[in-house]
Amino acid sequence: MAITVIAKLKTKPGSEAQFEAAARKMIEAMRAAEPGALQYVLHRGQKDKANEFVYYEVYSDQAAFDVHGKTDHMKAFGGAIGTLLDGRPQVDILEEVTRK
């Protein structure tokens, strides 16, 4: 059963470009190395919420999601963005119930 993750992160003012650069690097590595990641989309807030980022992620199953969290590129990403964040990320993990 597919696993969906919605992760919301807020960066400190002025850190948006650094965060985006680190995110793009990680996403490129993830797409090349994680066939179980079916969708991995980063969104950015508009106007007064330009420092808010939202990931929409879909994994083929729990095992694929578990692999994602243990990869070197995720560890490097966590290290790169730690000082850029304004608070802890909000992460919601969802199980798919039905699909059209």
Protein backbone atom coordinates (compact mmCIF):
# COMPACT_ATOMS: atom_id res chain seq x y z
CA MET A 1 0.00 0.00 0.00
CA ALA A 2 1.32 3.42 -0.95
CA ILE A 3 2.59 5.86 1.67
CA THR A 4 2.11 9.61 1.23
CA VAL A 5 4.06 12.23 3.14
CA ILE A 6 3.23 15.90 3.44
CA ALA A 7 6.09 17.79 5.05
CA LYS A 8 5.92 21.50 5.84
CA LEU A 9 9.12 23.42 6.54
CA LYS A 10 9.60 27.10 7.30
CA THR A 11 12.94 28.76 6.69
CA LYS A 12 14.43 31.70 8.49
CA PRO A 13 13.97 34.95 6.56
CA GLY A 14 16.68 35.28 3.92
CA SER A 15 17.46 31.54 3.87
CA GLU A 16 15.03 30.62 1.10
CA ALA A 17 17.57 30.46 -1.74
CA GLN A 18 20.00 28.32 0.28
CA PHE A 19 17.20 25.95 1.24
CA GLU A 20 16.00 25.67 -2.36
CA ALA A 21 19.51 24.92 -3.62
CA ALA A 22 20.00 22.17 -1.04
CA ALA A 23 16.54 20.76 -1.80
CA ARG A 24 17.18 20.66 -5.55
CA LYS A 25 20.48 18.83 -5.01
CA MET A 26 18.84 16.27 -2.72
CA ILE A 27 15.86 15.75 -5.04
CA GLU A 28 18.15 15.15 -8.01
CA ALA A 29 20.05 12.48 -6.04
CA MET A 30 16.81 10.96 -4.73
CA ARG A 31 15.27 10.64 -8.21
CA ALA A 32 18.37 8.82 -9.46
CA ALA A 33 18.60 6.41 -6.53
CA GLU A 34 15.09 5.71 -5.22
CA PRO A 35 12.79 3.86 -7.63
CA GLY A 36 10.23 3.43 -4.83
CA ALA A 37 9.69 7.19 -4.61
CA LEU A 38 6.79 7.59 -7.03
CA GLN A 39 6.31 11.34 -6.55
CA TYR A 40 8.48 13.90 -4.83
CA VAL A 41 7.33 17.45 -5.39
CA LEU A 42 8.51 20.57 -3.57
CA HIS A 43 6.19 23.56 -3.35
CA ARG A 44 6.91 27.08 -2.11
CA GLY A 45 4.47 29.55 -0.62
CA GLN A 46 3.64 32.72 -2.48
CA LYS A 47 4.12 36.36 -1.46
CA ASP A 48 4.07 36.69 2.35
CA LYS A 49 4.66 32.93 2.77
CA ALA A 50 7.67 32.66 0.46
CA ASN A 51 9.72 31.12 3.26
CA GLU A 52 7.30 28.20 3.66
CA PHE A 53 8.00 25.00 1.73
CA VAL A 54 5.81 21.92 1.38
CA TYR A 55 6.90 18.51 0.14
CA TYR A 56 4.36 16.14 -1.37
CA GLU A 57 5.86 12.66 -1.48
CA VAL A 58 4.42 9.29 -2.51
CA TYR A 59 6.25 6.02 -1.96
CA SER A 60 5.30 2.64 -3.37
CA ASP A 61 5.21 1.13 0.12
CA GLN A 62 6.54 1.42 3.68
CA ALA A 63 9.86 -0.18 2.73
CA ALA A 64 10.50 2.48 0.07
CA PHE A 65 9.71 5.22 2.58
CA ASP A 66 12.05 3.64 5.14
CA VAL A 67 14.87 3.47 2.58
CA HIS A 68 14.41 7.18 1.78
CA GLY A 69 15.08 8.26 5.34
CA LYS A 70 18.32 6.27 5.55
CA THR A 71 20.00 7.45 2.35
CA ASP A 72 23.20 9.45 2.30
CA HIS A 73 21.53 12.23 0.30
CA MET A 74 18.84 12.66 2.98
CA LYS A 75 21.45 12.74 5.72
CA ALA A 76 23.43 15.36 3.78
CA PHE A 77 20.25 17.38 3.18
CA GLY A 78 19.41 17.36 6.88
CA GLY A 79 22.88 18.63 7.69
CA ALA A 80 22.69 21.33 5.03
CA ILE A 81 19.33 22.78 6.12
CA GLY A 82 19.53 22.45 9.90
CA THR A 83 20.55 26.05 10.52
CA LEU A 84 18.21 27.40 7.81
CA LEU A 85 14.95 26.28 9.41
CA ASP A 86 12.69 28.36 11.61
CA GLY A 87 11.40 25.61 13.90
CA ARG A 88 10.83 21.93 13.43
CA PRO A 89 9.25 20.54 10.26
CA GLN A 90 5.64 19.37 10.44
CA VAL A 91 5.43 15.92 8.88
CA ASP A 92 2.22 14.01 8.22
CA ILE A 93 2.49 10.38 7.09
CA LEU A 94 -0.60 8.96 5.43
CA GLU A 95 -1.66 5.50 4.28
CA GLU A 96 -3.53 5.26 1.03
CA VAL A 97 -7.10 4.07 1.49
CA THR A 98 -8.40 4.06 -2.07
CA ARG A 99 -7.41 5.22 -5.53
CA LYS A 100 -9.50 5.98 -8.57
